[in-house]
Amino acid sequence: MPAFVNLDEAQTIFFERELEHRKAQTYDVVRAPLKAMELIPVSTDAGAGAESIVYEQYDITGMAKVIANYADDLPRADVKAREFTARIRSIGNSYGYSIQEIRAAQMAGKALEQRKASAAARSQRESWNRIAWFGDADHGLQGWLDNANVPRAAVEDDGAGGGGGSTLWINKTPAQILRDMNDLANGIVSLTNGAEVPDTLVLPIEQYTLIATTPRSDNSDTTILEYFLRNSPYINSVEWANELKNAGTANSDIMIAYRRSPDALTLEMPVMFEQFPVQERGLEFVVPCHSRIGGVLIYYPLSQSIGEGI
């Protein structure tokens, strides 16, 4: 007669687990990209010990004129200076392992779980990204989008209803969308008499997708984006960022044209992510993590412009 093997509950669970196929790859929760450090030039010049960042801005004054041979009333030329100061703040968090986690990893011959360290680094990067875009008024940190000196204005509407039409790109023709993008970039050049020339345009992801997939016309195989990049005299890069959605007046979507250069703006990061020696706290071993941030400094506000309502 056949023989039967009876397994208790623990043995059954072990047997079932032995028949499982566990994938080597893990499928972690996917988070939105943090693009501030990609779009804003990063400066680490201040150094770890700095408490604030000071920069000076100089301008020339005076004029010259035609004079007589013996003139002694020569017009005076001079230089005037303004000083700006930005505070630097610390960002901190930590991660840790219990004594049992360490012993279990040692017994199994495995390295300690690295996801805790990665989580600590990611949360700090999220904090940097948030401050870079929106600042932190409570701690005196300036962000890119909350700088009052950067010009901003609503884009033109679509002309429907006698001037009371929609400014939203979803309701506009390709020609009207191209007009909005060119007006924003060209306006910087016009306002500064050519002293500032933008090279980058940043859009919310929905508007970026719209221009990247919509033909310029019904009988064209060129998209709005391709046509714009080929024909704009100034813009050579169009990017997208989630943070521009609902970032304008009355939660409107915005776009930014700017000169992407450390001479125009910087995200100040005197200290990037660092981990300190392990600290023993009861039955846990904690790793403190730290960074330093000074916000976004915009040295030439007229090197960029914001269009609202797209």
C-alpha atoms as a PDB file:
ATOM      1  CA  MET A   1       0.000   0.000   0.000  1.00  0.00           C
ATOM      2  CA  PRO A   2       1.266   3.565  -0.675  1.00  0.00           C
ATOM      3  CA  ALA A   3       3.118   5.373   2.075  1.00  0.00           C
ATOM      4  CA  PHE A   4       1.965   8.823   3.129  1.00  0.00           C
ATOM      5  CA  VAL A   5       4.081  11.462   4.785  1.00  0.00           C
ATOM      6  CA  ASN A   6       2.325  13.818   7.181  1.00  0.00           C
ATOM      7  CA  LEU A   7       4.014  17.188   7.618  1.00  0.00           C
ATOM      8  CA  ASP A   8       3.303  19.524  10.472  1.00  0.00           C
ATOM      9  CA  GLU A   9       2.508  23.185   9.787  1.00  0.00           C
ATOM     10  CA  ALA A  10       6.092  24.434  10.028  1.00  0.00           C
ATOM     11  CA  GLN A  11       7.362  21.692   7.730  1.00  0.00           C
ATOM     12  CA  THR A  12       4.614  22.365   5.214  1.00  0.00           C
ATOM     13  CA  ILE A  13       5.441  26.075   5.054  1.00  0.00           C
ATOM     14  CA  PHE A  14       9.133  25.255   4.597  1.00  0.00           C
ATOM     15  CA  PHE A  15       8.323  22.777   1.814  1.00  0.00           C
ATOM     16  CA  GLU A  16       6.105  25.291   0.002  1.00  0.00           C
ATOM     17  CA  ARG A  17       8.736  28.023   0.241  1.00  0.00           C
ATOM     18  CA  GLU A  18      11.318  25.646  -1.285  1.00  0.00           C
ATOM     19  CA  LEU A  19       9.092  25.357  -4.361  1.00  0.00           C
ATOM     20  CA  GLU A  20       8.856  29.129  -4.818  1.00  0.00           C
ATOM     21  CA  HIS A  21      10.878  30.930  -7.448  1.00  0.00           C
ATOM     22  CA  ARG A  22      12.056  34.249  -6.070  1.00  0.00           C
ATOM     23  CA  LYS A  23      13.145  36.818  -8.625  1.00  0.00           C
ATOM     24  CA  ALA A  24      16.573  38.327  -8.018  1.00  0.00           C
ATOM     25  CA  GLN A  25      15.309  41.761  -9.033  1.00  0.00           C
ATOM     26  CA  THR A  26      13.153  43.702  -6.597  1.00  0.00           C
ATOM     27  CA  TYR A  27      10.309  45.879  -7.789  1.00  0.00           C
ATOM     28  CA  ASP A  28      10.415  48.931  -5.580  1.00  0.00           C
ATOM     29  CA  VAL A  29       7.842  51.701  -5.620  1.00  0.00           C
ATOM     30  CA  VAL A  30       8.693  54.097  -8.447  1.00  0.00           C
ATOM     31  CA  ARG A  31       8.825  57.748  -7.425  1.00  0.00           C
ATOM     32  CA  ALA A  32       8.727  60.908  -9.500  1.00  0.00           C
ATOM     33  CA  PRO A  33      12.110  62.182 -10.737  1.00  0.00           C
ATOM     34  CA  LEU A  34      13.766  65.023  -8.853  1.00  0.00           C
ATOM     35  CA  LYS A  35      14.841  67.408 -11.588  1.00  0.00           C
ATOM     36  CA  ALA A  36      15.883  70.557  -9.734  1.00  0.00           C
ATOM     37  CA  MET A  37      19.547  69.584  -9.668  1.00  0.00           C
ATOM     38  CA  GLU A  38      19.399  68.724 -13.356  1.00  0.00           C
ATOM     39  CA  LEU A  39      17.849  72.035 -14.398  1.00  0.00           C
ATOM     40  CA  ILE A  40      19.568  74.388 -11.928  1.00  0.00           C
ATOM     41  CA  PRO A  41      23.382  74.597 -11.893  1.00  0.00           C
ATOM     42  CA  VAL A  42      24.674  73.351  -8.528  1.00  0.00           C
ATOM     43  CA  SER A  43      27.389  75.184  -6.613  1.00  0.00           C
ATOM     44  CA  THR A  44      29.373  73.696  -3.723  1.00  0.00           C
ATOM     45  CA  ASP A  45      31.856  76.567  -3.478  1.00  0.00           C
ATOM     46  CA  ALA A  46      30.780  77.875  -0.060  1.00  0.00           C
ATOM     47  CA  GLY A  47      32.319  74.988   1.868  1.00  0.00           C
ATOM     48  CA  ALA A  48      31.189  73.013   4.898  1.00  0.00           C
ATOM     49  CA  GLY A  49      31.906  75.709   7.488  1.00  0.00           C
ATOM     50  CA  ALA A  50      29.972  78.562   5.901  1.00  0.00           C
ATOM     51  CA  GLU A  51      26.868  79.909   7.647  1.00  0.00           C
ATOM     52  CA  SER A  52      25.834  82.279   4.862  1.00  0.00           C
ATOM     53  CA  ILE A  53      26.670  83.164   1.283  1.00  0.00           C
ATOM     54  CA  VAL A  54      27.340  86.745   0.257  1.00  0.00           C
ATOM     55  CA  TYR A  55      27.610  87.935  -3.325  1.00  0.00           C
ATOM     56  CA  GLU A  56      28.058  91.396  -4.762  1.00  0.00           C
ATOM     57  CA  GLN A  57      26.588  92.971  -7.858  1.00  0.00           C
ATOM     58  CA  TYR A  58      28.264  95.925  -9.558  1.00  0.00           C
ATOM     59  CA  ASP A  59      26.878  98.421 -12.044  1.00  0.00           C
ATOM     60  CA  ILE A  60      28.472 101.348 -13.820  1.00  0.00           C
ATOM     61  CA  THR A  61      27.085 104.870 -13.722  1.00  0.00           C
ATOM     62  CA  GLY A  62      27.843 108.079 -15.566  1.00  0.00           C
ATOM     63  CA  MET A  63      28.252 109.118 -19.177  1.00  0.00           C
ATOM     64  CA  ALA A  64      30.775 110.617 -21.556  1.00  0.00           C
ATOM     65  CA  LYS A  65      30.311 113.602 -23.866  1.00  0.00           C
ATOM     66  CA  VAL A  66      32.095 115.641 -26.475  1.00  0.00           C
ATOM     67  CA  ILE A  67      34.356 118.208 -24.767  1.00  0.00           C
ATOM     68  CA  ALA A  68      36.397 121.305 -25.671  1.00  0.00           C
ATOM     69  CA  ASN A  69      40.182 121.196 -25.700  1.00  0.00           C
ATOM     70  CA  TYR A  70      40.569 122.872 -22.295  1.00  0.00           C
ATOM     71  CA  ALA A  71      37.445 121.532 -20.615  1.00  0.00           C
ATOM     72  CA  ASP A  72      37.680 120.826 -16.894  1.00  0.00           C
ATOM     73  CA  ASP A  73      34.081 119.739 -16.300  1.00  0.00           C
ATOM     74  CA  LEU A  74      34.529 116.146 -17.391  1.00  0.00           C
ATOM     75  CA  PRO A  75      31.515 113.903 -16.624  1.00  0.00           C
ATOM     76  CA  ARG A  76      32.218 111.458 -13.838  1.00  0.00           C
ATOM     77  CA  ALA A  77      31.980 107.708 -14.355  1.00  0.00           C
ATOM     78  CA  ASP A  78      31.671 105.502 -11.299  1.00  0.00           C
ATOM     79  CA  VAL A  79      30.730 102.072 -10.034  1.00  0.00           C
ATOM     80  CA  LYS A  80      27.996 101.243  -7.536  1.00  0.00           C
ATOM     81  CA  ALA A  81      27.658  97.961  -5.682  1.00  0.00           C
ATOM     82  CA  ARG A  82      24.869  95.999  -4.011  1.00  0.00           C
ATOM     83  CA  GLU A  83      25.394  93.176  -1.559  1.00  0.00           C
ATOM     84  CA  PHE A  84      23.142  90.131  -1.162  1.00  0.00           C
ATOM     85  CA  THR A  85      23.197  87.513   1.604  1.00  0.00           C
ATOM     86  CA  ALA A  86      21.680  84.021   1.693  1.00  0.00           C
ATOM     87  CA  ARG A  87      21.501  81.845   4.786  1.00  0.00           C
ATOM     88  CA  ILE A  88      22.670  78.228   4.811  1.00  0.00           C
ATOM     89  CA  ARG A  89      20.656  75.594   6.659  1.00  0.00           C
ATOM     90  CA  SER A  90      21.280  71.989   7.641  1.00  0.00           C
ATOM     91  CA  ILE A  91      19.166  69.059   6.441  1.00  0.00           C
ATOM     92  CA  GLY A  92      19.254  65.935   8.601  1.00  0.00           C
ATOM     93  CA  ASN A  93      17.803  62.453   9.009  1.00  0.00           C
ATOM     94  CA  SER A  94      19.035  58.993   9.984  1.00  0.00           C
ATOM     95  CA  TYR A  95      18.599  55.268   9.570  1.00  0.00           C
ATOM     96  CA  GLY A  96      19.469  52.333  11.780  1.00  0.00           C
ATOM     97  CA  TYR A  97      19.583  48.608  12.444  1.00  0.00           C
ATOM     98  CA  SER A  98      18.603  46.642  15.524  1.00  0.00           C
ATOM     99  CA  ILE A  99      21.129  44.355  17.150  1.00  0.00           C
ATOM    100  CA  GLN A 100      19.078  41.364  15.990  1.00  0.00           C
ATOM    101  CA  GLU A 101      19.114  42.547  12.354  1.00  0.00           C
ATOM    102  CA  ILE A 102      22.897  42.792  12.526  1.00  0.00           C
ATOM    103  CA  ARG A 103      23.279  39.333  14.084  1.00  0.00           C
ATOM    104  CA  ALA A 104      20.870  37.757  11.603  1.00  0.00           C
ATOM    105  CA  ALA A 105      22.734  39.288   8.656  1.00  0.00           C
ATOM    106  CA  GLN A 106      26.050  38.093  10.107  1.00  0.00           C
ATOM    107  CA  MET A 107      24.733  34.562  10.628  1.00  0.00           C
ATOM    108  CA  ALA A 108      23.316  34.390   7.096  1.00  0.00           C
ATOM    109  CA  GLY A 109      26.511  35.780   5.622  1.00  0.00           C
ATOM    110  CA  LYS A 110      24.657  38.646   3.999  1.00  0.00           C
ATOM    111  CA  ALA A 111      25.357  42.349   3.887  1.00  0.00           C
ATOM    112  CA  LEU A 112      23.060  44.606   5.869  1.00  0.00           C
ATOM    113  CA  GLU A 113      20.063  45.878   3.948  1.00  0.00           C
ATOM    114  CA  GLN A 114      21.138  48.854   1.841  1.00  0.00           C
ATOM    115  CA  ARG A 115      17.626  50.127   1.212  1.00  0.00           C
ATOM    116  CA  LYS A 116      17.598  51.965   4.532  1.00  0.00           C
ATOM    117  CA  ALA A 117      20.626  54.015   3.507  1.00  0.00           C
ATOM    118  CA  SER A 118      19.105  54.594   0.078  1.00  0.00           C
ATOM    119  CA  ALA A 119      15.844  55.734   1.690  1.00  0.00           C
ATOM    120  CA  ALA A 120      17.708  58.252   3.833  1.00  0.00           C
ATOM    121  CA  ALA A 121      19.555  59.620   0.794  1.00  0.00           C
ATOM    122  CA  ARG A 122      16.352  59.793  -1.250  1.00  0.00           C
ATOM    123  CA  SER A 123      14.443  61.680   1.457  1.00  0.00           C
ATOM    124  CA  GLN A 124      17.227  64.242   1.633  1.00  0.00           C
ATOM    125  CA  ARG A 125      17.198  64.671  -2.145  1.00  0.00           C
ATOM    126  CA  GLU A 126      13.431  65.184  -1.986  1.00  0.00           C
ATOM    127  CA  SER A 127      13.974  67.935   0.572  1.00  0.00           C
ATOM    128  CA  TRP A 128      16.642  69.584  -1.620  1.00  0.00           C
ATOM    129  CA  ASN A 129      14.324  69.395  -4.621  1.00  0.00           C
ATOM    130  CA  ARG A 130      11.402  70.944  -2.738  1.00  0.00           C
ATOM    131  CA  ILE A 131      13.516  73.810  -1.408  1.00  0.00           C
ATOM    132  CA  ALA A 132      15.119  74.377  -4.806  1.00  0.00           C
ATOM    133  CA  TRP A 133      11.728  74.846  -6.451  1.00  0.00           C
ATOM    134  CA  PHE A 134       9.654  76.484  -3.725  1.00  0.00           C
ATOM    135  CA  GLY A 135      12.079  77.678  -1.057  1.00  0.00           C
ATOM    136  CA  ASP A 136      11.444  77.532   2.690  1.00  0.00           C
ATOM    137  CA  ALA A 137      10.143  80.822   4.049  1.00  0.00           C
ATOM    138  CA  ASP A 138      10.284  79.645   7.672  1.00  0.00           C
ATOM    139  CA  HIS A 139      14.047  79.179   7.408  1.00  0.00           C
ATOM    140  CA  GLY A 140      14.835  82.016   5.004  1.00  0.00           C
ATOM    141  CA  LEU A 141      15.667  79.854   1.999  1.00  0.00           C
ATOM    142  CA  GLN A 142      14.859  81.192  -1.464  1.00  0.00           C
ATOM    143  CA  GLY A 143      13.503  78.887  -4.165  1.00  0.00           C
ATOM    144  CA  TRP A 144      13.414  79.213  -7.936  1.00  0.00           C
ATOM    145  CA  LEU A 145       9.674  79.760  -8.300  1.00  0.00           C
ATOM    146  CA  ASP A 146       9.129  82.087  -5.331  1.00  0.00           C
ATOM    147  CA  ASN A 147      11.620  84.763  -6.376  1.00  0.00           C
ATOM    148  CA  ALA A 148       9.646  87.995  -6.664  1.00  0.00           C
ATOM    149  CA  ASN A 149      12.188  89.604  -9.013  1.00  0.00           C
ATOM    150  CA  VAL A 150      11.662  87.124 -11.857  1.00  0.00           C
ATOM    151  CA  PRO A 151       9.229  88.601 -14.429  1.00  0.00           C
ATOM    152  CA  ARG A 152       5.992  86.667 -14.915  1.00  0.00           C
ATOM    153  CA  ALA A 153       2.832  87.279 -16.894  1.00  0.00           C
ATOM    154  CA  ALA A 154      -0.128  85.351 -18.279  1.00  0.00           C
ATOM    155  CA  VAL A 155       0.185  84.128 -21.856  1.00  0.00           C
ATOM    156  CA  GLU A 156      -2.217  85.411 -24.506  1.00  0.00           C
ATOM    157  CA  ASP A 157      -5.610  83.747 -24.813  1.00  0.00           C
ATOM    158  CA  ASP A 158      -6.807  81.966 -27.929  1.00  0.00           C
ATOM    159  CA  GLY A 159      -8.804  84.956 -29.144  1.00  0.00           C
ATOM    160  CA  ALA A 160     -12.180  83.325 -28.734  1.00  0.00           C
ATOM    161  CA  GLY A 161     -15.037  85.289 -27.225  1.00  0.00           C
ATOM    162  CA  GLY A 162     -13.693  88.745 -27.985  1.00  0.00           C
ATOM    163  CA  GLY A 163     -10.508  88.496 -25.950  1.00  0.00           C
ATOM    164  CA  GLY A 164     -12.009  86.465 -23.125  1.00  0.00           C
ATOM    165  CA  GLY A 165     -10.916  83.096 -24.468  1.00  0.00           C
ATOM    166  CA  SER A 166      -8.772  80.361 -22.980  1.00  0.00           C
ATOM    167  CA  THR A 167      -5.022  80.568 -22.350  1.00  0.00           C
ATOM    168  CA  LEU A 168      -4.736  76.785 -21.979  1.00  0.00           C
ATOM    169  CA  TRP A 169      -2.632  75.054 -24.622  1.00  0.00           C
ATOM    170  CA  ILE A 170      -5.089  72.187 -24.850  1.00  0.00           C
ATOM    171  CA  ASN A 171      -7.527  74.700 -26.383  1.00  0.00           C
ATOM    172  CA  LYS A 172      -5.016  76.409 -28.695  1.00  0.00           C
ATOM    173  CA  THR A 173      -3.828  75.797 -32.215  1.00  0.00           C
ATOM    174  CA  PRO A 174      -0.195  74.791 -32.873  1.00  0.00           C
ATOM    175  CA  ALA A 175       0.447  78.307 -34.207  1.00  0.00           C
ATOM    176  CA  GLN A 176      -0.834  79.862 -30.971  1.00  0.00           C
ATOM    177  CA  ILE A 177       1.297  77.521 -28.850  1.00  0.00           C
ATOM    178  CA  LEU A 178       4.378  78.401 -30.896  1.00  0.00           C
ATOM    179  CA  ARG A 179       3.538  82.077 -30.421  1.00  0.00           C
ATOM    180  CA  ASP A 180       3.438  81.629 -26.627  1.00  0.00           C
ATOM    181  CA  MET A 181       6.822  79.878 -26.518  1.00  0.00           C
ATOM    182  CA  ASN A 182       8.483  82.392 -28.802  1.00  0.00           C
ATOM    183  CA  ASP A 183       6.943  85.368 -26.989  1.00  0.00           C
ATOM    184  CA  LEU A 184       8.357  84.162 -23.659  1.00  0.00           C
ATOM    185  CA  ALA A 185      11.883  83.644 -24.982  1.00  0.00           C
ATOM    186  CA  ASN A 186      11.926  86.700 -27.217  1.00  0.00           C
ATOM    187  CA  GLY A 187      10.579  88.869 -24.401  1.00  0.00           C
ATOM    188  CA  ILE A 188      13.731  88.303 -22.334  1.00  0.00           C
ATOM    189  CA  VAL A 189      15.958  89.428 -25.198  1.00  0.00           C
ATOM    190  CA  SER A 190      13.767  92.451 -25.887  1.00  0.00           C
ATOM    191  CA  LEU A 191      13.466  93.514 -22.246  1.00  0.00           C
ATOM    192  CA  THR A 192      17.245  93.426 -21.704  1.00  0.00           C
ATOM    193  CA  ASN A 193      18.161  94.858 -25.127  1.00  0.00           C
ATOM    194  CA  GLY A 194      19.983  91.654 -25.944  1.00  0.00           C
ATOM    195  CA  ALA A 195      22.026  91.535 -22.722  1.00  0.00           C
ATOM    196  CA  GLU A 196      20.271  88.296 -21.743  1.00  0.00           C
ATOM    197  CA  VAL A 197      19.606  85.435 -24.145  1.00  0.00           C
ATOM    198  CA  PRO A 198      17.700  82.390 -22.798  1.00  0.00           C
ATOM    199  CA  ASP A 199      18.691  78.921 -23.966  1.00  0.00           C
ATOM    200  CA  THR A 200      16.261  76.612 -22.122  1.00  0.00           C
ATOM    201  CA  LEU A 201      12.485  76.306 -21.833  1.00  0.00           C
ATOM    202  CA  VAL A 202      10.889  74.180 -19.094  1.00  0.00           C
ATOM    203  CA  LEU A 203       7.273  72.987 -19.265  1.00  0.00           C
ATOM    204  CA  PRO A 204       4.929  70.885 -17.148  1.00  0.00           C
ATOM    205  CA  ILE A 205       4.910  67.284 -18.349  1.00  0.00           C
ATOM    206  CA  GLU A 206       1.402  67.476 -19.869  1.00  0.00           C
ATOM    207  CA  GLN A 207       2.266  70.474 -22.037  1.00  0.00           C
ATOM    208  CA  TYR A 208       5.616  68.936 -22.959  1.00  0.00           C
ATOM    209  CA  THR A 209       3.881  65.760 -24.083  1.00  0.00           C
ATOM    210  CA  LEU A 210       1.344  67.802 -26.040  1.00  0.00           C
ATOM    211  CA  ILE A 211       3.921  69.661 -28.127  1.00  0.00           C
ATOM    212  CA  ALA A 212       6.098  66.544 -28.511  1.00  0.00           C
ATOM    213  CA  THR A 213       3.237  64.513 -30.034  1.00  0.00           C
ATOM    214  CA  THR A 214       1.117  67.097 -31.880  1.00  0.00           C
ATOM    215  CA  PRO A 215       1.896  67.823 -35.546  1.00  0.00           C
ATOM    216  CA  ARG A 216       2.610  71.446 -36.414  1.00  0.00           C
ATOM    217  CA  SER A 217      -0.174  71.247 -38.991  1.00  0.00           C
ATOM    218  CA  ASP A 218      -2.516  68.651 -40.473  1.00  0.00           C
ATOM    219  CA  ASN A 219      -0.199  67.983 -43.399  1.00  0.00           C
ATOM    220  CA  SER A 220       3.108  68.117 -41.508  1.00  0.00           C
ATOM    221  CA  ASP A 221       5.258  65.283 -40.166  1.00  0.00           C
ATOM    222  CA  THR A 222       7.012  67.712 -37.821  1.00  0.00           C
ATOM    223  CA  THR A 223       5.775  68.151 -34.248  1.00  0.00           C
ATOM    224  CA  ILE A 224       5.357  71.509 -32.538  1.00  0.00           C
ATOM    225  CA  LEU A 225       8.429  70.755 -30.426  1.00  0.00           C
ATOM    226  CA  GLU A 226      10.610  69.829 -33.390  1.00  0.00           C
ATOM    227  CA  TYR A 227       9.557  72.908 -35.319  1.00  0.00           C
ATOM    228  CA  PHE A 228      10.201  75.190 -32.341  1.00  0.00           C
ATOM    229  CA  LEU A 229      13.697  73.832 -31.710  1.00  0.00           C
ATOM    230  CA  ARG A 230      14.609  74.111 -35.383  1.00  0.00           C
ATOM    231  CA  ASN A 231      13.421  77.696 -35.722  1.00  0.00           C
ATOM    232  CA  SER A 232      13.888  79.416 -32.356  1.00  0.00           C
ATOM    233  CA  PRO A 233      16.850  81.811 -32.566  1.00  0.00           C
ATOM    234  CA  TYR A 234      17.595  81.334 -28.863  1.00  0.00           C
ATOM    235  CA  ILE A 235      16.166  78.171 -27.248  1.00  0.00           C
ATOM    236  CA  ASN A 236      18.166  74.991 -27.856  1.00  0.00           C
ATOM    237  CA  SER A 237      16.670  72.768 -25.142  1.00  0.00           C
ATOM    238  CA  VAL A 238      13.093  72.111 -23.999  1.00  0.00           C
ATOM    239  CA  GLU A 239      12.696  70.194 -20.707  1.00  0.00           C
ATOM    240  CA  TRP A 240       9.848  69.186 -18.420  1.00  0.00           C
ATOM    241  CA  ALA A 241       9.316  69.274 -14.663  1.00  0.00           C
ATOM    242  CA  ASN A 242       6.368  68.134 -12.555  1.00  0.00           C
ATOM    243  CA  GLU A 243       6.724  71.103 -10.224  1.00  0.00           C
ATOM    244  CA  LEU A 244       5.488  73.588 -12.849  1.00  0.00           C
ATOM    245  CA  LYS A 245       1.979  72.164 -12.697  1.00  0.00           C
ATOM    246  CA  ASN A 246      -0.319  74.381 -10.561  1.00  0.00           C
ATOM    247  CA  ALA A 247       2.665  76.607  -9.681  1.00  0.00           C
ATOM    248  CA  GLY A 248       1.216  79.864 -11.007  1.00  0.00           C
ATOM    249  CA  THR A 249      -1.469  82.341  -9.997  1.00  0.00           C
ATOM    250  CA  ALA A 250      -4.735  80.609  -9.066  1.00  0.00           C
ATOM    251  CA  ASN A 251      -2.958  77.225  -9.412  1.00  0.00           C
ATOM    252  CA  SER A 252      -2.333  77.738 -13.109  1.00  0.00           C
ATOM    253  CA  ASP A 253       0.365  75.800 -14.980  1.00  0.00           C
ATOM    254  CA  ILE A 254       3.496  77.758 -15.865  1.00  0.00           C
ATOM    255  CA  MET A 255       6.524  77.590 -18.153  1.00  0.00           C
ATOM    256  CA  ILE A 256       9.984  79.079 -17.627  1.00  0.00           C
ATOM    257  CA  ALA A 257      12.458  80.354 -20.196  1.00  0.00           C
ATOM    258  CA  TYR A 258      15.918  81.005 -18.768  1.00  0.00           C
ATOM    259  CA  ARG A 259      19.651  81.033 -19.306  1.00  0.00           C
ATOM    260  CA  ARG A 260      20.899  77.770 -17.810  1.00  0.00           C
ATOM    261  CA  SER A 261      24.256  78.973 -16.578  1.00  0.00           C
ATOM    262  CA  PRO A 262      25.902  79.207 -13.134  1.00  0.00           C
ATOM    263  CA  ASP A 263      26.518  82.859 -13.973  1.00  0.00           C
ATOM    264  CA  ALA A 264      22.742  83.423 -13.901  1.00  0.00           C
ATOM    265  CA  LEU A 265      21.498  81.179 -11.082  1.00  0.00           C
ATOM    266  CA  THR A 266      22.780  78.442  -8.766  1.00  0.00           C
ATOM    267  CA  LEU A 267      21.449  75.958  -6.253  1.00  0.00           C
ATOM    268  CA  GLU A 268      23.784  76.330  -3.290  1.00  0.00           C
ATOM    269  CA  MET A 269      24.789  72.980  -1.772  1.00  0.00           C
ATOM    270  CA  PRO A 270      27.842  73.555   0.447  1.00  0.00           C
ATOM    271  CA  VAL A 271      27.603  69.983   1.768  1.00  0.00           C
ATOM    272  CA  MET A 272      26.063  67.120  -0.179  1.00  0.00           C
ATOM    273  CA  PHE A 273      24.730  63.959   1.487  1.00  0.00           C
ATOM    274  CA  GLU A 274      27.116  62.640   4.149  1.00  0.00           C
ATOM    275  CA  GLN A 275      26.885  59.822   6.687  1.00  0.00           C
ATOM    276  CA  PHE A 276      28.446  59.972  10.132  1.00  0.00           C
ATOM    277  CA  PRO A 277      29.878  57.144  12.269  1.00  0.00           C
ATOM    278  CA  VAL A 278      27.395  54.682  13.722  1.00  0.00           C
ATOM    279  CA  GLN A 279      25.921  55.630  17.099  1.00  0.00           C
ATOM    280  CA  GLU A 280      24.754  53.019  19.611  1.00  0.00           C
ATOM    281  CA  ARG A 281      21.345  53.814  21.092  1.00  0.00           C
ATOM    282  CA  GLY A 282      19.970  51.070  23.319  1.00  0.00           C
ATOM    283  CA  LEU A 283      19.561  47.988  21.144  1.00  0.00           C
ATOM    284  CA  GLU A 284      19.819  49.936  17.911  1.00  0.00           C
ATOM    285  CA  PHE A 285      22.718  51.300  15.896  1.00  0.00           C
ATOM    286  CA  VAL A 286      21.873  54.600  14.186  1.00  0.00           C
ATOM    287  CA  VAL A 287      23.636  56.330  11.281  1.00  0.00           C
ATOM    288  CA  PRO A 288      23.086  60.124  11.264  1.00  0.00           C
ATOM    289  CA  CYS A 289      22.910  61.762   7.814  1.00  0.00           C
ATOM    290  CA  HIS A 290      23.469  65.420   7.011  1.00  0.00           C
ATOM    291  CA  SER A 291      23.666  67.999   4.231  1.00  0.00           C
ATOM    292  CA  ARG A 292      23.736  71.804   3.898  1.00  0.00           C
ATOM    293  CA  ILE A 293      21.668  73.933   1.522  1.00  0.00           C
ATOM    294  CA  GLY A 294      21.541  77.650   0.797  1.00  0.00           C
ATOM    295  CA  GLY A 295      18.579  77.743  -1.596  1.00  0.00           C
ATOM    296  CA  VAL A 296      18.587  79.130  -5.119  1.00  0.00           C
ATOM    297  CA  LEU A 297      20.474  82.336  -5.855  1.00  0.00           C
ATOM    298  CA  ILE A 298      19.317  84.199  -8.958  1.00  0.00           C
ATOM    299  CA  TYR A 299      22.025  86.691  -9.826  1.00  0.00           C
ATOM    300  CA  TYR A 300      20.263  88.072 -12.901  1.00  0.00           C
ATOM    301  CA  PRO A 301      16.456  87.837 -12.518  1.00  0.00           C
ATOM    302  CA  LEU A 302      15.915  89.257 -16.007  1.00  0.00           C
ATOM    303  CA  SER A 303      17.769  86.257 -17.474  1.00  0.00           C
ATOM    304  CA  GLN A 304      14.512  84.342 -17.132  1.00  0.00           C
ATOM    305  CA  SER A 305      10.775  84.776 -17.409  1.00  0.00           C
ATOM    306  CA  ILE A 306       7.656  82.851 -16.383  1.00  0.00           C
ATOM    307  CA  GLY A 307       4.567  82.432 -18.556  1.00  0.00           C
ATOM    308  CA  GLU A 308       1.381  81.554 -16.646  1.00  0.00           C
ATOM    309  CA  GLY A 309      -1.854  79.913 -17.649  1.00  0.00           C
ATOM    310  CA  ILE A 310      -0.697  77.356 -20.194  1.00  0.00           C
END
